[in-house]
Amino acid sequence: MIRLPAELERLLAEHFPILRERERFAAEIIRKALEGESDDGRKPPELVGGTIHLFTDGGSRGNPGQAAIACILEDPIRGQILREHYERIGIETNNVAEYRALIEGLKLAKRYHPNRLICHLDSELLVKQLNGEYRVKMPSLQSLFEEIQELCQDFPDIVFQYIPREDNYRADRLVNKALDEHSSPPYERPT
C-alpha cells in the first residue's frame, strides 16, 4: 500500500468519505498516469529516452522578410518521426529564423526526455556559434543564443552538427510550406 502525505489523505477523505471509494479513486488515477492517459483522454508524448535526432530550419523571403521555422524530431532506432512543427514568425532575418527554429525544436524535444539529442542544422554560422568556434556578435542574436544555452541545460548530452541544405530537405520543405500557405506581400524596407 502506498502511504500518502497527511494533507493529501485529508483532502481525499473530504471528497471520498468511504475508504473503499477513496482507494478506487486513487488506484484509477495511478493507473491512468502509468498508462500515460490524462483526464481529458489525450495521451502525452511518448517518453522515448535514448537518442533523438532534431532537424531544424528557418528561412525568410528577403533578408529581412517574411520568415518561417520548422523542426522535425526523429527516433533513429525506429526510423519514426515523433513530431513535426512549422509556423510563420513574421518579418525576420534568416539568422533569427534559424535560431528560433532551434529554440522551438529544443522545447519539443524536451518533452521526450532524450538521453542524447543530436541537432542537425544547415546553418554553418549557427553550429559554429553554438559549438564555441565563433562568437555571437549581432545583438539581435545574443538573447536567442542565451535562450538556447539555457534550454540545453535540460539535456544530459546535446550535439550540434552542420548538414548541407540538401540533406535537410524535409525541414526546408516545411519552412516553404509555412511561407506558401499564408503568402503575403513582400516586405519592403523603409526608405
Protein backbone atom coordinates (compact mmCIF):
# COMPACT_ATOMS: atom_id res chain seq x y z
CA MET A 1 0.00 0.00 0.00
CA ILE A 2 1.23 3.50 -0.85
CA ARG A 3 1.34 5.95 2.02
CA LEU A 4 0.17 9.44 1.01
CA PRO A 5 1.10 12.71 2.71
CA ALA A 6 -1.30 13.68 5.52
CA GLU A 7 -2.59 16.75 3.67
CA LEU A 8 -3.47 14.66 0.62
CA GLU A 9 -5.12 12.00 2.78
CA ARG A 10 -7.24 14.71 4.42
CA LEU A 11 -8.36 16.12 1.04
CA LEU A 12 -9.22 12.65 -0.28
CA ALA A 13 -11.21 11.88 2.89
CA GLU A 14 -13.19 15.11 2.41
CA HIS A 15 -14.14 14.19 -1.16
CA PHE A 16 -14.45 10.44 -0.64
CA PRO A 17 -15.59 9.71 2.94
CA ILE A 18 -15.88 5.97 2.27
CA LEU A 19 -12.44 4.33 2.34
CA ARG A 20 -13.23 1.88 -0.49
CA GLU A 21 -14.23 4.76 -2.84
CA ARG A 22 -11.12 6.70 -1.88
CA GLU A 23 -8.90 3.71 -2.67
CA ARG A 24 -10.70 3.10 -6.00
CA PHE A 25 -10.23 6.76 -7.00
CA ALA A 26 -6.52 6.74 -6.09
CA ALA A 27 -5.98 3.44 -7.96
CA GLU A 28 -7.67 4.83 -11.09
CA ILE A 29 -5.54 7.99 -11.06
CA ILE A 30 -2.36 5.93 -10.66
CA ARG A 31 -3.42 3.52 -13.45
CA LYS A 32 -4.08 6.42 -15.84
CA ALA A 33 -0.74 8.01 -15.02
CA LEU A 34 1.15 4.75 -15.59
CA GLU A 35 -0.65 4.16 -18.90
CA GLY A 36 0.06 7.74 -19.97
CA GLU A 37 -3.55 8.90 -20.14
CA SER A 38 -4.66 12.33 -18.97
CA ASP A 39 -8.06 13.25 -17.53
CA ASP A 40 -9.18 14.67 -20.89
CA GLY A 41 -8.35 11.40 -22.65
CA ARG A 42 -5.35 12.75 -24.58
CA LYS A 43 -2.13 10.82 -24.41
CA PRO A 44 1.01 12.79 -23.54
CA PRO A 45 4.04 12.40 -25.81
CA GLU A 46 5.70 9.03 -25.61
CA LEU A 47 8.76 9.08 -23.41
CA VAL A 48 11.45 7.86 -25.74
CA GLY A 49 14.71 8.34 -23.84
CA GLY A 50 17.72 7.13 -25.81
CA THR A 51 18.89 9.24 -28.74
CA ILE A 52 16.65 11.58 -30.70
CA HIS A 53 17.56 13.48 -33.85
CA LEU A 54 16.32 17.05 -34.30
CA PHE A 55 16.31 18.66 -37.74
CA THR A 56 15.59 22.39 -37.82
CA ASP A 57 15.46 25.06 -40.47
CA GLY A 58 14.49 28.69 -40.65
CA GLY A 59 14.27 30.97 -43.61
CA SER A 60 12.98 34.24 -44.88
CA ARG A 61 11.94 35.51 -48.26
CA GLY A 62 14.00 38.65 -48.29
CA ASN A 63 16.52 39.38 -45.57
CA PRO A 64 14.69 40.56 -43.56
CA GLY A 65 11.43 39.32 -44.99
CA GLN A 66 8.51 37.01 -44.34
CA ALA A 67 10.03 34.23 -42.25
CA ALA A 68 9.12 30.75 -41.08
CA ILE A 69 10.58 27.98 -38.95
CA ALA A 70 10.38 24.20 -38.98
CA CYS A 71 11.59 21.34 -36.83
CA ILE A 72 11.37 17.57 -37.06
CA LEU A 73 12.01 15.16 -34.20
CA GLU A 74 13.01 11.66 -35.25
CA ASP A 75 13.59 8.42 -33.38
CA PRO A 76 16.57 6.99 -35.30
CA ILE A 77 16.14 3.45 -33.92
CA ARG A 78 12.60 3.05 -35.24
CA GLY A 79 13.09 5.48 -38.13
CA GLN A 80 9.92 7.20 -36.98
CA ILE A 81 9.08 10.89 -36.99
CA LEU A 82 7.93 11.75 -33.50
CA ARG A 83 6.83 15.29 -34.17
CA GLU A 84 6.85 17.92 -36.91
CA HIS A 85 6.26 21.61 -36.38
CA TYR A 86 6.24 24.58 -38.74
CA GLU A 87 4.97 28.14 -38.48
CA ARG A 88 5.40 31.64 -39.81
CA ILE A 89 7.13 34.07 -37.48
CA GLY A 90 6.60 37.40 -39.24
CA ILE A 91 9.31 39.67 -40.62
CA GLU A 92 12.75 38.42 -39.58
CA THR A 93 16.23 37.75 -40.93
CA ASN A 94 17.41 34.30 -42.00
CA ASN A 95 19.66 34.01 -38.93
CA VAL A 96 16.90 34.93 -36.49
CA ALA A 97 14.66 32.34 -38.16
CA GLU A 98 17.38 29.67 -37.83
CA TYR A 99 17.79 30.44 -34.13
CA ARG A 100 14.05 30.48 -33.48
CA ALA A 101 13.62 27.14 -35.26
CA LEU A 102 16.21 25.56 -32.98
CA ILE A 103 14.56 27.07 -29.88
CA GLU A 104 11.20 25.59 -30.86
CA GLY A 105 12.83 22.24 -31.63
CA LEU A 106 14.55 22.13 -28.24
CA LYS A 107 11.26 22.87 -26.49
CA LEU A 108 9.59 20.00 -28.35
CA ALA A 109 12.49 17.61 -27.74
CA LYS A 110 12.42 18.29 -24.01
CA ARG A 111 9.02 16.57 -23.79
CA TYR A 112 10.60 13.28 -24.94
CA HIS A 113 13.38 13.25 -22.31
CA PRO A 114 16.18 12.02 -24.58
CA ASN A 115 19.47 10.90 -23.08
CA ARG A 116 21.16 12.32 -26.16
CA LEU A 117 19.90 14.91 -28.62
CA ILE A 118 21.65 15.36 -31.96
CA CYS A 119 20.66 18.64 -33.60
CA HIS A 120 21.13 18.79 -37.38
CA LEU A 121 21.23 22.33 -38.78
CA ASP A 122 22.04 23.64 -42.24
CA SER A 123 23.30 26.94 -40.86
CA GLU A 124 27.05 26.69 -40.51
CA LEU A 125 27.11 30.02 -38.66
CA LEU A 126 24.71 28.76 -36.01
CA VAL A 127 26.56 25.48 -35.50
CA LYS A 128 29.90 27.26 -35.13
CA GLN A 129 28.42 29.77 -32.68
CA LEU A 130 26.78 27.05 -30.60
CA ASN A 131 29.96 24.95 -30.59
CA GLY A 132 32.02 27.95 -29.45
CA GLU A 133 34.05 28.33 -32.66
CA TYR A 134 32.53 31.73 -33.46
CA ARG A 135 31.36 34.48 -31.12
CA VAL A 136 27.85 35.88 -31.37
CA LYS A 137 28.45 39.47 -32.48
CA MET A 138 24.93 40.53 -33.51
CA PRO A 139 22.94 41.94 -30.57
CA SER A 140 19.72 40.65 -32.16
CA LEU A 141 21.06 37.08 -31.91
CA GLN A 142 22.60 37.30 -28.42
CA SER A 143 19.34 36.82 -26.48
CA LEU A 144 18.38 33.91 -28.75
CA PHE A 145 21.80 32.33 -28.23
CA GLU A 146 21.40 32.70 -24.45
CA GLU A 147 17.93 31.14 -24.57
CA ILE A 148 19.37 28.13 -26.40
CA GLN A 149 22.15 27.83 -23.83
CA GLU A 150 19.52 27.77 -21.09
CA LEU A 151 17.40 25.17 -22.90
CA CYS A 152 20.48 22.97 -23.38
CA GLN A 153 20.68 22.52 -19.61
CA ASP A 154 17.63 20.22 -19.86
CA PHE A 155 19.54 17.62 -21.89
CA PRO A 156 22.22 15.29 -20.50
CA ASP A 157 24.02 15.20 -23.86
CA ILE A 158 23.40 17.55 -26.78
CA VAL A 159 25.31 17.83 -30.06
CA PHE A 160 25.05 20.44 -32.82
CA GLN A 161 26.01 19.18 -36.28
CA TYR A 162 26.13 21.01 -39.58
CA ILE A 163 24.46 19.26 -42.51
CA PRO A 164 24.26 20.50 -46.11
CA ARG A 165 20.96 22.12 -47.10
CA GLU A 166 20.12 19.26 -49.48
CA ASP A 167 20.31 16.82 -46.54
CA ASN A 168 17.85 18.97 -44.58
CA TYR A 169 15.19 18.86 -47.30
CA ARG A 170 12.33 17.77 -45.00
CA ALA A 171 12.67 20.75 -42.66
CA ASP A 172 13.28 23.06 -45.63
CA ARG A 173 10.07 21.79 -47.25
CA LEU A 174 8.11 22.61 -44.08
CA VAL A 175 9.55 26.15 -43.97
CA ASN A 176 8.42 26.71 -47.56
CA LYS A 177 5.03 25.18 -46.81
CA ALA A 178 4.53 27.65 -43.95
CA LEU A 179 5.51 30.55 -46.18
CA ASP A 180 3.34 29.38 -49.10
CA GLU A 181 0.21 28.67 -47.06
CA HIS A 182 -0.20 32.26 -45.99
CA SER A 183 1.54 34.26 -48.64
CA SER A 184 1.55 37.98 -48.10
CA PRO A 185 3.04 40.90 -49.97
CA PRO A 186 6.82 41.07 -49.97
CA TYR A 187 8.44 43.12 -47.26
CA GLU A 188 9.71 46.46 -48.43
CA ARG A 189 12.48 48.09 -46.46
CA PRO A 190 11.57 51.61 -45.29
CA THR A 191 13.48 54.33 -47.13
